[in-house]
C-alpha atoms as a PDB file:
ATOM      1  CA  MET A   1     198.887 187.508  23.532  1.00  0.00           C
ATOM      2  CA  ILE A   2     196.859 190.503  24.592  1.00  0.00           C
ATOM      3  CA  GLY A   3     197.490 193.441  22.292  1.00  0.00           C
ATOM      4  CA  CYS A   4     196.737 197.099  22.877  1.00  0.00           C
ATOM      5  CA  ALA A   5     195.739 199.894  20.541  1.00  0.00           C
ATOM      6  CA  THR A   6     197.901 202.983  20.977  1.00  0.00           C
ATOM      7  CA  SER A   7     198.079 206.074  18.791  1.00  0.00           C
ATOM      8  CA  PHE A   8     200.648 208.829  18.924  1.00  0.00           C
ATOM      9  CA  PRO A   9     200.803 212.084  16.922  1.00  0.00           C
ATOM     10  CA  ILE A  10     203.711 211.710  14.495  1.00  0.00           C
ATOM     11  CA  ARG A  11     204.715 214.849  12.619  1.00  0.00           C
ATOM     12  CA  LYS A  12     206.121 214.849   9.136  1.00  0.00           C
ATOM     13  CA  GLY A  13     209.610 215.727  10.297  1.00  0.00           C
ATOM     14  CA  LYS A  14     212.091 212.867  10.183  1.00  0.00           C
ATOM     15  CA  VAL A  15     213.028 213.256  13.868  1.00  0.00           C
ATOM     16  CA  MET A  16     209.440 213.120  15.095  1.00  0.00           C
ATOM     17  CA  LYS A  17     208.714 210.121  12.873  1.00  0.00           C
ATOM     18  CA  LYS A  18     211.584 208.221  14.472  1.00  0.00           C
ATOM     19  CA  VAL A  19     210.485 209.198  17.997  1.00  0.00           C
ATOM     20  CA  GLY A  20     206.927 208.148  17.273  1.00  0.00           C
ATOM     21  CA  LEU A  21     208.030 204.776  15.941  1.00  0.00           C
ATOM     22  CA  LEU A  22     210.259 204.287  18.972  1.00  0.00           C
ATOM     23  CA  ILE A  23     207.347 204.968  21.350  1.00  0.00           C
ATOM     24  CA  VAL A  24     205.146 202.466  19.524  1.00  0.00           C
ATOM     25  CA  SER A  25     207.958 199.904  19.603  1.00  0.00           C
ATOM     26  CA  LEU A  26     208.426 200.387  23.344  1.00  0.00           C
ATOM     27  CA  CYS A  27     204.701 199.923  23.881  1.00  0.00           C
ATOM     28  CA  PHE A  28     204.702 196.565  22.213  1.00  0.00           C
ATOM     29  CA  SER A  29     207.949 195.382  23.783  1.00  0.00           C
ATOM     30  CA  HIS A  30     207.198 196.428  27.375  1.00  0.00           C
ATOM     31  CA  LEU A  31     203.593 197.424  27.990  1.00  0.00           C
ATOM     32  CA  CYS A  32     201.607 195.151  25.729  1.00  0.00           C
ATOM     33  CA  LEU A  33     203.222 191.780  26.306  1.00  0.00           C
ATOM     34  CA  ALA A  34     200.495 190.566  28.656  1.00  0.00           C
ATOM     35  CA  GLN A  35     200.015 186.890  27.851  1.00  0.00           C
ATOM     36  CA  LYS A  36     196.934 184.869  28.715  1.00  0.00           C
ATOM     37  CA  LEU A  37     197.213 181.222  29.683  1.00  0.00           C
ATOM     38  CA  VAL A  38     194.037 179.249  29.075  1.00  0.00           C
ATOM     39  CA  LEU A  39     193.417 176.173  31.250  1.00  0.00           C
ATOM     40  CA  LYS A  40     190.368 173.969  30.754  1.00  0.00           C
ATOM     41  CA  GLY A  41     189.199 170.689  32.216  1.00  0.00           C
ATOM     42  CA  SER A  42     189.063 168.995  35.601  1.00  0.00           C
ATOM     43  CA  ASP A  43     186.851 170.440  38.325  1.00  0.00           C
ATOM     44  CA  THR A  44     188.964 168.571  40.874  1.00  0.00           C
ATOM     45  CA  LEU A  45     191.975 170.655  39.849  1.00  0.00           C
ATOM     46  CA  GLY A  46     190.282 173.749  38.519  1.00  0.00           C
ATOM     47  CA  ALA A  47     187.878 174.665  41.306  1.00  0.00           C
ATOM     48  CA  LYS A  48     190.485 175.254  44.033  1.00  0.00           C
ATOM     49  CA  LEU A  49     194.070 174.277  43.313  1.00  0.00           C
ATOM     50  CA  VAL A  50     194.727 175.829  39.911  1.00  0.00           C
ATOM     51  CA  PRO A  51     193.267 179.242  40.870  1.00  0.00           C
ATOM     52  CA  MET A  52     195.598 179.320  43.891  1.00  0.00           C
ATOM     53  CA  TRP A  53     198.574 178.394  41.698  1.00  0.00           C
ATOM     54  CA  ALA A  54     197.574 181.131  39.255  1.00  0.00           C
ATOM     55  CA  GLU A  55     197.233 183.731  42.010  1.00  0.00           C
ATOM     56  CA  ALA A  56     200.653 182.889  43.457  1.00  0.00           C
ATOM     57  CA  TYR A  57     202.256 182.908  40.000  1.00  0.00           C
ATOM     58  CA  GLN A  58     200.759 186.301  39.156  1.00  0.00           C
ATOM     59  CA  ARG A  59     202.250 187.866  42.272  1.00  0.00           C
ATOM     60  CA  VAL A  60     205.672 187.712  40.622  1.00  0.00           C
ATOM     61  CA  ASN A  61     204.544 187.614  36.974  1.00  0.00           C
ATOM     62  CA  HIS A  62     202.196 190.576  36.779  1.00  0.00           C
ATOM     63  CA  SER A  63     201.743 190.525  33.006  1.00  0.00           C
ATOM     64  CA  ILE A  64     200.312 186.988  32.941  1.00  0.00           C
ATOM     65  CA  LYS A  65     196.547 186.555  32.822  1.00  0.00           C
ATOM     66  CA  PHE A  66     194.684 183.305  33.369  1.00  0.00           C
ATOM     67  CA  GLU A  67     191.443 181.924  31.993  1.00  0.00           C
ATOM     68  CA  ILE A  68     190.344 178.848  33.957  1.00  0.00           C
ATOM     69  CA  ALA A  69     187.305 176.756  32.979  1.00  0.00           C
ATOM     70  CA  ALA A  70     186.668 173.782  35.280  1.00  0.00           C
ATOM     71  CA  GLU A  71     184.043 171.732  33.453  1.00  0.00           C
ATOM     72  CA  GLY A  72     185.441 168.198  33.624  1.00  0.00           C
ATOM     73  CA  SER A  73     188.561 166.356  32.478  1.00  0.00           C
ATOM     74  CA  THR A  74     187.041 165.326  29.154  1.00  0.00           C
ATOM     75  CA  THR A  75     186.544 168.963  28.190  1.00  0.00           C
ATOM     76  CA  GLY A  76     190.186 169.721  28.996  1.00  0.00           C
ATOM     77  CA  ILE A  77     191.488 166.868  26.880  1.00  0.00           C
ATOM     78  CA  ALA A  78     189.184 167.936  24.034  1.00  0.00           C
ATOM     79  CA  ALA A  79     190.444 171.517  24.375  1.00  0.00           C
ATOM     80  CA  ILE A  80     194.026 170.392  23.789  1.00  0.00           C
ATOM     81  CA  MET A  81     192.926 168.381  20.751  1.00  0.00           C
ATOM     82  CA  ASN A  82     190.997 171.378  19.405  1.00  0.00           C
ATOM     83  CA  LYS A  83     193.770 173.800  20.364  1.00  0.00           C
ATOM     84  CA  THR A  84     191.466 176.012  22.441  1.00  0.00           C
ATOM     85  CA  ALA A  85     193.527 175.720  25.638  1.00  0.00           C
ATOM     86  CA  ASP A  86     197.190 175.922  26.568  1.00  0.00           C
ATOM     87  CA  ILE A  87     196.817 173.369  29.358  1.00  0.00           C
ATOM     88  CA  GLY A  88     194.237 170.633  29.799  1.00  0.00           C
ATOM     89  CA  MET A  89     193.530 169.824  33.447  1.00  0.00           C
ATOM     90  CA  SER A  90     192.657 166.179  34.018  1.00  0.00           C
ATOM     91  CA  SER A  91     192.077 163.785  36.886  1.00  0.00           C
ATOM     92  CA  ARG A  92     192.375 160.810  34.539  1.00  0.00           C
ATOM     93  CA  PRO A  93     194.838 159.622  31.887  1.00  0.00           C
ATOM     94  CA  VAL A  94     193.994 160.189  28.234  1.00  0.00           C
ATOM     95  CA  GLN A  95     192.306 157.229  26.589  1.00  0.00           C
ATOM     96  CA  SER A  96     193.695 155.377  23.576  1.00  0.00           C
ATOM     97  CA  THR A  97     190.826 156.629  21.420  1.00  0.00           C
ATOM     98  CA  GLU A  98     191.648 160.227  22.400  1.00  0.00           C
ATOM     99  CA  ILE A  99     195.322 159.706  21.543  1.00  0.00           C
ATOM    100  CA  SER A 100     194.352 158.344  18.116  1.00  0.00           C
ATOM    101  CA  GLU A 101     191.964 161.203  17.439  1.00  0.00           C
ATOM    102  CA  ALA A 102     194.574 163.735  18.523  1.00  0.00           C
ATOM    103  CA  LEU A 103     197.125 162.326  16.103  1.00  0.00           C
ATOM    104  CA  THR A 104     194.719 162.933  13.205  1.00  0.00           C
ATOM    105  CA  LYS A 105     194.792 166.592  14.244  1.00  0.00           C
ATOM    106  CA  ASN A 106     198.587 166.651  14.548  1.00  0.00           C
ATOM    107  CA  VAL A 107     198.335 166.911  18.340  1.00  0.00           C
ATOM    108  CA  ASN A 108     200.644 164.932  20.634  1.00  0.00           C
ATOM    109  CA  PHE A 109     199.586 164.730  24.257  1.00  0.00           C
ATOM    110  CA  GLU A 110     202.318 165.421  26.793  1.00  0.00           C
ATOM    111  CA  SER A 111     201.351 164.665  30.397  1.00  0.00           C
ATOM    112  CA  THR A 112     202.750 166.167  33.586  1.00  0.00           C
ATOM    113  CA  THR A 113     201.749 164.794  36.971  1.00  0.00           C
ATOM    114  CA  VAL A 114     201.131 167.862  39.151  1.00  0.00           C
ATOM    115  CA  ALA A 115     199.674 166.338  42.348  1.00  0.00           C
ATOM    116  CA  TYR A 116     198.134 163.209  43.818  1.00  0.00           C
ATOM    117  CA  ASP A 117     194.616 162.704  45.097  1.00  0.00           C
ATOM    118  CA  ALA A 118     192.639 160.136  47.047  1.00  0.00           C
ATOM    119  CA  ILE A 119     188.954 159.921  46.165  1.00  0.00           C
ATOM    120  CA  ALA A 120     187.053 159.968  49.438  1.00  0.00           C
ATOM    121  CA  VAL A 121     183.684 158.330  50.078  1.00  0.00           C
ATOM    122  CA  VAL A 122     181.507 160.764  52.021  1.00  0.00           C
ATOM    123  CA  VAL A 123     178.213 160.420  53.873  1.00  0.00           C
ATOM    124  CA  ASN A 124     176.080 162.648  56.046  1.00  0.00           C
ATOM    125  CA  GLU A 125     177.515 163.129  59.543  1.00  0.00           C
ATOM    126  CA  ALA A 126     174.292 161.679  61.036  1.00  0.00           C
ATOM    127  CA  ASN A 127     174.828 158.398  59.211  1.00  0.00           C
ATOM    128  CA  PRO A 128     175.985 155.719  61.700  1.00  0.00           C
ATOM    129  CA  VAL A 129     178.173 154.037  59.067  1.00  0.00           C
ATOM    130  CA  SER A 130     181.881 154.789  59.466  1.00  0.00           C
ATOM    131  CA  ASN A 131     183.453 152.059  57.321  1.00  0.00           C
ATOM    132  CA  LEU A 132     182.617 150.143  54.151  1.00  0.00           C
ATOM    133  CA  ASN A 133     184.505 147.420  52.378  1.00  0.00           C
ATOM    134  CA  GLN A 134     185.221 147.620  48.661  1.00  0.00           C
ATOM    135  CA  THR A 135     182.503 145.150  47.770  1.00  0.00           C
ATOM    136  CA  GLU A 136     179.907 147.230  49.632  1.00  0.00           C
ATOM    137  CA  VAL A 137     181.094 150.394  47.857  1.00  0.00           C
ATOM    138  CA  GLU A 138     180.735 148.730  44.477  1.00  0.00           C
ATOM    139  CA  SER A 139     177.292 147.375  45.375  1.00  0.00           C
ATOM    140  CA  ILE A 140     176.013 150.783  46.500  1.00  0.00           C
ATOM    141  CA  PHE A 141     177.197 152.723  43.466  1.00  0.00           C
ATOM    142  CA  THR A 142     176.019 150.102  40.968  1.00  0.00           C
ATOM    143  CA  GLY A 143     172.608 149.827  42.636  1.00  0.00           C
ATOM    144  CA  ASP A 144     172.952 146.244  43.891  1.00  0.00           C
ATOM    145  CA  VAL A 145     172.492 147.620  47.414  1.00  0.00           C
ATOM    146  CA  VAL A 146     169.731 150.221  47.668  1.00  0.00           C
ATOM    147  CA  ASP A 147     169.062 150.495  51.415  1.00  0.00           C
ATOM    148  CA  TRP A 148     171.428 151.351  54.251  1.00  0.00           C
ATOM    149  CA  GLY A 149     169.923 148.494  56.251  1.00  0.00           C
ATOM    150  CA  GLU A 150     171.820 146.076  53.988  1.00  0.00           C
ATOM    151  CA  VAL A 151     175.186 147.363  55.240  1.00  0.00           C
ATOM    152  CA  SER A 152     174.306 148.825  58.657  1.00  0.00           C
ATOM    153  CA  ASP A 153     171.816 148.656  61.526  1.00  0.00           C
ATOM    154  CA  GLU A 154     169.787 151.626  60.286  1.00  0.00           C
ATOM    155  CA  ASP A 155     167.380 151.510  57.339  1.00  0.00           C
ATOM    156  CA  GLY A 156     166.953 154.177  54.695  1.00  0.00           C
ATOM    157  CA  VAL A 157     166.859 154.215  50.900  1.00  0.00           C
ATOM    158  CA  ILE A 158     170.315 155.282  49.724  1.00  0.00           C
ATOM    159  CA  SER A 159     170.720 158.470  47.677  1.00  0.00           C
ATOM    160  CA  VAL A 160     173.771 158.081  45.435  1.00  0.00           C
ATOM    161  CA  TYR A 161     175.540 161.221  44.183  1.00  0.00           C
ATOM    162  CA  THR A 162     178.115 161.026  41.393  1.00  0.00           C
ATOM    163  CA  ARG A 163     179.966 163.364  39.060  1.00  0.00           C
ATOM    164  CA  ASN A 164     178.710 163.901  35.520  1.00  0.00           C
ATOM    165  CA  THR A 165     179.987 162.003  32.485  1.00  0.00           C
ATOM    166  CA  ALA A 166     182.440 164.742  31.457  1.00  0.00           C
ATOM    167  CA  SER A 167     184.281 164.281  34.735  1.00  0.00           C
ATOM    168  CA  GLY A 168     187.531 162.373  34.978  1.00  0.00           C
ATOM    169  CA  THR A 169     186.527 161.418  38.514  1.00  0.00           C
ATOM    170  CA  PHE A 170     183.341 159.851  37.118  1.00  0.00           C
ATOM    171  CA  GLN A 171     185.496 157.650  34.868  1.00  0.00           C
ATOM    172  CA  ASP A 172     188.132 156.926  37.523  1.00  0.00           C
ATOM    173  CA  TRP A 173     185.527 155.907  40.085  1.00  0.00           C
ATOM    174  CA  LYS A 174     183.807 153.620  37.609  1.00  0.00           C
ATOM    175  CA  LYS A 175     187.127 151.891  36.942  1.00  0.00           C
ATOM    176  CA  MET A 176     188.590 151.810  40.462  1.00  0.00           C
ATOM    177  CA  ALA A 177     185.517 151.220  42.611  1.00  0.00           C
ATOM    178  CA  MET A 178     182.979 149.608  40.282  1.00  0.00           C
ATOM    179  CA  HIS A 179     185.101 147.348  38.032  1.00  0.00           C
ATOM    180  CA  LYS A 180     183.808 149.352  35.046  1.00  0.00           C
ATOM    181  CA  ARG A 181     180.182 148.478  35.790  1.00  0.00           C
ATOM    182  CA  ASP A 182     177.417 151.011  35.140  1.00  0.00           C
ATOM    183  CA  TYR A 183     176.242 153.411  37.797  1.00  0.00           C
ATOM    184  CA  ALA A 184     172.906 152.824  39.511  1.00  0.00           C
ATOM    185  CA  LEU A 185     170.051 154.195  37.428  1.00  0.00           C
ATOM    186  CA  SER A 186     168.889 156.182  40.455  1.00  0.00           C
ATOM    187  CA  SER A 187     172.259 157.927  40.895  1.00  0.00           C
ATOM    188  CA  GLN A 188     172.183 161.706  40.689  1.00  0.00           C
ATOM    189  CA  LYS A 189     174.890 163.398  38.615  1.00  0.00           C
ATOM    190  CA  MET A 190     176.470 166.571  39.985  1.00  0.00           C
ATOM    191  CA  ALA A 191     178.564 169.159  38.156  1.00  0.00           C
ATOM    192  CA  GLY A 192     181.394 169.240  40.694  1.00  0.00           C
ATOM    193  CA  ASN A 193     182.874 168.083  43.981  1.00  0.00           C
ATOM    194  CA  GLU A 194     181.381 170.992  45.896  1.00  0.00           C
ATOM    195  CA  GLN A 195     177.895 170.157  44.665  1.00  0.00           C
ATOM    196  CA  ILE A 196     178.246 166.552  45.861  1.00  0.00           C
ATOM    197  CA  VAL A 197     179.305 167.450  49.398  1.00  0.00           C
ATOM    198  CA  ALA A 198     176.566 170.092  49.566  1.00  0.00           C
ATOM    199  CA  GLU A 199     173.922 167.490  48.725  1.00  0.00           C
ATOM    200  CA  VAL A 200     175.326 164.871  51.100  1.00  0.00           C
ATOM    201  CA  ALA A 201     175.521 167.427  53.926  1.00  0.00           C
ATOM    202  CA  LYS A 202     171.760 167.977  53.797  1.00  0.00           C
ATOM    203  CA  ASN A 203     170.689 164.397  53.078  1.00  0.00           C
ATOM    204  CA  LYS A 204     170.983 161.833  55.905  1.00  0.00           C
ATOM    205  CA  VAL A 205     170.840 158.904  53.464  1.00  0.00           C
ATOM    206  CA  GLY A 206     173.197 160.425  50.893  1.00  0.00           C
ATOM    207  CA  ILE A 207     176.551 159.076  49.755  1.00  0.00           C
ATOM    208  CA  GLY A 208     179.048 160.378  47.225  1.00  0.00           C
ATOM    209  CA  TYR A 209     182.720 160.566  46.304  1.00  0.00           C
ATOM    210  CA  VAL A 210     184.932 163.642  46.062  1.00  0.00           C
ATOM    211  CA  GLY A 211     188.552 164.671  45.752  1.00  0.00           C
ATOM    212  CA  LEU A 212     190.476 164.875  49.011  1.00  0.00           C
ATOM    213  CA  ALA A 213     190.547 168.682  48.984  1.00  0.00           C
ATOM    214  CA  TYR A 214     186.736 168.871  49.188  1.00  0.00           C
ATOM    215  CA  VAL A 215     185.981 166.824  52.308  1.00  0.00           C
ATOM    216  CA  ASP A 216     186.262 169.536  54.961  1.00  0.00           C
ATOM    217  CA  VAL A 217     182.601 170.510  54.887  1.00  0.00           C
ATOM    218  CA  LEU A 218     180.202 170.896  57.796  1.00  0.00           C
ATOM    219  CA  GLY A 219     177.668 168.064  57.883  1.00  0.00           C
ATOM    220  CA  VAL A 220     179.836 165.554  55.992  1.00  0.00           C
ATOM    221  CA  LYS A 221     182.111 162.768  57.180  1.00  0.00           C
ATOM    222  CA  ILE A 222     184.642 160.559  55.412  1.00  0.00           C
ATOM    223  CA  LEU A 223     184.278 156.796  55.468  1.00  0.00           C
ATOM    224  CA  SER A 224     187.233 154.483  55.855  1.00  0.00           C
ATOM    225  CA  ILE A 225     187.467 151.735  53.229  1.00  0.00           C
ATOM    226  CA  ASP A 226     188.447 148.343  54.619  1.00  0.00           C
ATOM    227  CA  GLY A 227     189.546 150.243  57.719  1.00  0.00           C
ATOM    228  CA  VAL A 228     191.785 152.705  55.834  1.00  0.00           C
ATOM    229  CA  LEU A 229     191.122 156.450  55.648  1.00  0.00           C
ATOM    230  CA  PRO A 230     192.187 158.479  52.619  1.00  0.00           C
ATOM    231  CA  ASN A 231     195.243 160.610  53.357  1.00  0.00           C
ATOM    232  CA  ALA A 232     198.750 161.283  52.045  1.00  0.00           C
ATOM    233  CA  GLU A 233     200.293 158.321  53.837  1.00  0.00           C
ATOM    234  CA  SER A 234     197.727 155.720  52.760  1.00  0.00           C
ATOM    235  CA  ALA A 235     197.684 157.046  49.188  1.00  0.00           C
ATOM    236  CA  ARG A 236     201.472 157.060  48.764  1.00  0.00           C
ATOM    237  CA  ALA A 237     201.730 153.586  50.275  1.00  0.00           C
ATOM    238  CA  ARG A 238     198.969 152.417  47.901  1.00  0.00           C
ATOM    239  CA  VAL A 239     197.060 151.102  50.903  1.00  0.00           C
ATOM    240  CA  TYR A 240     194.014 153.232  50.165  1.00  0.00           C
ATOM    241  CA  PRO A 241     192.340 151.725  47.075  1.00  0.00           C
ATOM    242  CA  TYR A 242     191.085 154.901  45.416  1.00  0.00           C
ATOM    243  CA  ALA A 243     194.270 156.965  45.012  1.00  0.00           C
ATOM    244  CA  ARG A 244     195.270 158.584  41.697  1.00  0.00           C
ATOM    245  CA  PRO A 245     197.562 161.148  40.049  1.00  0.00           C
ATOM    246  CA  LEU A 246     196.322 164.483  38.694  1.00  0.00           C
ATOM    247  CA  PHE A 247     197.584 165.735  35.331  1.00  0.00           C
ATOM    248  CA  PHE A 248     198.287 168.731  33.160  1.00  0.00           C
ATOM    249  CA  TYR A 249     198.181 167.962  29.435  1.00  0.00           C
ATOM    250  CA  THR A 250     199.817 170.028  26.709  1.00  0.00           C
ATOM    251  CA  ASP A 251     200.264 169.645  22.961  1.00  0.00           C
ATOM    252  CA  GLY A 252     203.852 168.418  22.907  1.00  0.00           C
ATOM    253  CA  LYS A 253     206.442 169.430  25.463  1.00  0.00           C
ATOM    254  CA  PRO A 254     205.494 172.715  27.142  1.00  0.00           C
ATOM    255  CA  LYS A 255     207.398 175.789  26.027  1.00  0.00           C
ATOM    256  CA  GLY A 256     207.625 179.457  26.886  1.00  0.00           C
ATOM    257  CA  GLU A 257     205.221 180.800  29.471  1.00  0.00           C
ATOM    258  CA  ILE A 258     203.372 177.474  29.635  1.00  0.00           C
ATOM    259  CA  LYS A 259     206.591 175.741  30.706  1.00  0.00           C
ATOM    260  CA  LYS A 260     207.394 178.491  33.206  1.00  0.00           C
ATOM    261  CA  PHE A 261     204.006 178.078  34.849  1.00  0.00           C
ATOM    262  CA  ILE A 262     204.278 174.282  34.971  1.00  0.00           C
ATOM    263  CA  ASP A 263     207.796 174.599  36.419  1.00  0.00           C
ATOM    264  CA  PHE A 264     206.335 176.822  39.144  1.00  0.00           C
ATOM    265  CA  VAL A 265     203.585 174.264  39.829  1.00  0.00           C
ATOM    266  CA  LEU A 266     206.240 171.567  40.298  1.00  0.00           C
ATOM    267  CA  SER A 267     208.487 173.773  42.429  1.00  0.00           C
ATOM    268  CA  ALA A 268     208.656 173.668  46.225  1.00  0.00           C
ATOM    269  CA  GLU A 269     206.383 176.731  46.406  1.00  0.00           C
ATOM    270  CA  GLY A 270     203.850 175.222  44.004  1.00  0.00           C
ATOM    271  CA  GLN A 271     203.783 171.897  45.829  1.00  0.00           C
ATOM    272  CA  LYS A 272     203.391 173.677  49.159  1.00  0.00           C
ATOM    273  CA  ILE A 273     200.128 175.049  47.772  1.00  0.00           C
ATOM    274  CA  VAL A 274     199.084 171.482  46.850  1.00  0.00           C
ATOM    275  CA  ASN A 275     199.429 170.541  50.503  1.00  0.00           C
ATOM    276  CA  GLU A 276     197.638 173.663  51.734  1.00  0.00           C
ATOM    277  CA  VAL A 277     194.653 173.021  49.480  1.00  0.00           C
ATOM    278  CA  GLY A 278     194.341 169.442  50.732  1.00  0.00           C
ATOM    279  CA  PHE A 279     195.814 167.360  47.941  1.00  0.00           C
ATOM    280  CA  ILE A 280     199.019 165.311  48.060  1.00  0.00           C
ATOM    281  CA  PRO A 281     202.328 166.782  46.790  1.00  0.00           C
ATOM    282  CA  ILE A 282     204.255 164.757  44.232  1.00  0.00           C
ATOM    283  CA  GLN A 283     207.296 164.574  46.534  1.00  0.00           C
END
């Protein structure tokens, strides 16, 4: 809650005392009930989608303020455990070790799926490669394949761009595309999706992975995987191999303003924004 300091001259007379107390009471019941919702975690969610949800929600809920910190899914999950956020944004499920640690702090994770995503493999638009198979993807990101000439007709030492270790996408990609193997030692870790596409756009031999909402960037193209492009249809049909849900986490079932905001996110209006941003609605 955001409080406010208000002072009124209250005379000694009984009538003025009552009026003064009434004014103070009205302040706190009508003017000072501006609540702040704190959301921390996933860059995939927090860089674009959540700010647009917040903006739309504030248009009809003027007293609500938002604090959004998009620093990676792990930070959002930790924030729920440490009770420094109302909502943890995450592009990955909580791990069993995190659930156990949370229980020692009397925290019970409650997950809400808020959208779906397909992690896209992106390269520079000048790269002649348009398709890779899953084995080639794994080999590139683990460092088994280090030159484009091993998977195409054009040589060039591959520059691999990944998310940092706090990222849920970093963990998801390691599990889905690399069979939990380690990343190539030469891989370069980026803070967010936008940083990856920016690097790939200016590097002809670059390759990276990003959430579906971040692919529409000049100088970058999406690769198909085993002939399948990432989109809503291929993700829902589970044809595209790197599809995933996106989550909000709370401590127990959401209540009050937290629940109202999540209900808005799941509403037709909220899911329309999901589609507009470039992710996949849950329905």
